Structure formats: C-alpha cells, structure tokens
C-alpha cells in the first residue's frame, strides 16, 4: 500500500515537498491508513500534516468513541488535530437529505480547517472499491463522461485522493502490519443508503454472476474515461478562451458558426461551460439544457430564445448566441401557479417544474433542490410565484422575519436575477426561496405527523 501511495503522489502530482496537508480522518480503516501512510512519508516529502475530524453526531456514543480514537491517534503520531461537531440529524429534519447534508458539512469543515491552518491540500481516504461504487451509482443515474470518470485524484487544486488505486484488502493488511487499529462505522451496513446497497448487494452479485473482476473493470473504465473527459474539457476551455469569454462577463455573445464547426462532443462541452459560467456554483445545467441549446442553434429563422434555470436566457440573433440574465420587465413577467398536492406544477416562464409528494415522517429523504415541510404548519393553498413587493420569510434557523429584498442583498443575488427565483408561498408568507432557503415556521420536528416533500426539477 505504501508503494502505491507514493506512486500516486508522484504520478498524479498530488503533493509537492514542503506542503502543509489537512488529512480527513473519520477513524475508519481507509482514513487511518491514509494518515499512517502520509506520516511515514512525511519526512521524505517534508510534509506538515494536520488531522481533521468532524463528529456528525449521528450515532451517539459511537460517534464520541470515534472522535476520541482520532484524537488519541493524533497524539500518538505527534500531530495537531482539529475537531468539529455538527448535529446533522437535526439539520436533516429541516428539509435536507442526510447524505447530502453530511457531505456538504464535511467539505465545508475541511475547507475551514485548511484555510485556518494555511494548508494547501486536503487529503481524502477514498479507495478502489469506493471508486467502483461511485461509477456504478453514476451509471444508474444515467450520467455522461463527467460522472463515468468517477472521483478524481485531484479536484479543484486542493482535494487529493492518494488511495484510489488501493483496495480495501490492501488497506487492512497495511494496518495489520503496523499493528494499528481502526474504528468500524455501523452505518456502513445500513442499506437505506444507496451506496451501501450497491456495496452489499449489487456489486457482490455482479462479481459472482457476471465478472469476478468487476471492481477492477469499473476502475479501469473510470481511468480511461477520465483521460477522455480531460481531453474534451481542455479542448472546450481553449475554445472558450479563444472566444474571449471571461468570468466577469454579464452577457456572453459568441458566433454560432464557430460553435457549429467543432466536433459534437467538444461543442456540447463548450455550451455546458458557457451556461455554467452564468449559474450559481456552476450548477443546474443538465444534458437536456445542452441538447435544447444545440437545437436552437440549428433552428431555421433569424432569431429564437428560451429560458434556462437560475433566470438565464439563451437568445439566437442571426449568427450569434447570447446568454444573459433576464431583466425585470424584459422577458420575465409576474407568474403565479396554484399547487396541487400531491401533483406537479409546471412553471413555463422558468422552464422548471415542481413535484409535491406526501410522506410519512419515518420515510424522510430529500436531496437538494428538494425540501421537506410539516404539512400541518402550512396555511393552504400553496402557490408558486416570483417576487412581489413586501414579500417576507422567517429564514430557517432564525427567530425574526426578514424581507426578501434584504435577504437577496445579504446573499448578493443580483437584482436582475431576483424576479426569476421561484418562491413557494402559503397564505401567511413565503415558505421556500426555491433552491436556497426554507422557512423556520414550517420545518418538520419530532412531533410532525405528515410531511410534504417538494422537489424542484
């Protein structure tokens, strides 16, 4: 394992001599092996290691024992340890998926630790089986190259995964050879989570009945497609740069003949790149949006337009494509739709739809951009509409009422985009700023008897 760790660091350019590295350590075998291996290589590479552990508060005493184990391990290795705690179950009751909540909070915590410590890298302990499970999950979701490539050895220039080529068996043998113990997470056997079902059911079945080397096959495919994806991404970025597009542009205008001259794979990535530049954190753009935009470019006639998520509008004017935010009074009118529960509500002005589903409190699951409400706290009927003067909300986690105008100012949402943000409203106030914040007034609690799940698509 140590040889593979060293090879990954060198071949993938994961670390440079003298770097300060935050190592995410849960206490499980993978992260303990990563920390132990990096500690062995620390002198050779002149690395400065900082241990980071986030207690999610999900498993009571077990979580506490893990935190204590990581603290003791850090002391034994003479390494500083930054520990954090967050009550994820309570936050999940406020309308967010437990899995997604854990991931978001974990990365936010690691980023804070790295910033506070002046670290240049954050090391994560994902292994070869984790990679196979990730690729398989993405196949089931019908993703493209960006999903089939799996997890990257290096992401965003700071997150590194040095153990992607190492198997779980090799990790356990490495720790056994060191005489180093580790903690076992009981939630890894909870098959309510998709990854655990893949790990304990689907992958064993695939290996037993179809391909005994399934894990290796999925990893090999991911590595091959990562190279292909990297080539297409770099080709698209080069074209975007040649077109003179920058992150500061509020309006993107490019020649359509130039776009159509490229290979369809590169062209699709260029269009996705351009649209993502105009969306929050580069999110919300799917294959369907890219396909629709390509169709508009080839359509007969001198002009055309259609709406995209986040208030973005695509226009074709003769031989140019223009991407910009809809302005108040320019292409975005007031809209309001009454909601059917359960059922669907289409918002034609935004090119989006909302799904409303009734759930029992014991079957809670909601991935953003979906939220959960206590049905009995809602003053029905509900409507989906855009901003009106005087709109107010009691933001989740706050005691006071806040005007949406003030909320948007605080969140630095440009004025030109505010009219294109969907709001879910009951007879008292705004209960959800679509994709952003829900109301404290209607959150679910331990006393909730029926839940309304709302998903924005």
Foldseek 3Di string as FASTA:
>chain_A
DLVLLVCLCPVVVQDAAQFEEEQEPQQALLSVLVVVSCLVCCVVRVYAYEYEYEQQLPPPVLSVVSVVNSVVVCVVSVHHYHYYYHPLVVVVLQFAFSVVSVVVVVVVRQVVVCVVVVGQAYEYRDALQNQLLQLVVVVVVVADLVRLLGDDCDPPRHYGHSHHHPDPVNSVVSCVVVVHDTDDDPCLCVVVDPSSCCVPPVVVCCLVPPNVCSSVVSNVRSNVSVVVVVVLLVLLVVVCVVQVDDLPDQKDKGFLVVLVVDDPSSSLNNVLVVVLSNDVVSDQDDPVNSVVVVVLSPDDDQKDKAAGALQWIWMGGRGMIMIHGAAVVRLFDKDKAWDDVQDKDDDRSHRKIKGKYKDFPVDDGDHPVKTKWQVVLFADDKMKIADDPPAWAAWAPHDDIDGVVVVCVVVVPDNRRRRNFIFIAGPPGTQDRGRPTGHNRTRGDPPRGMMMMMHMD
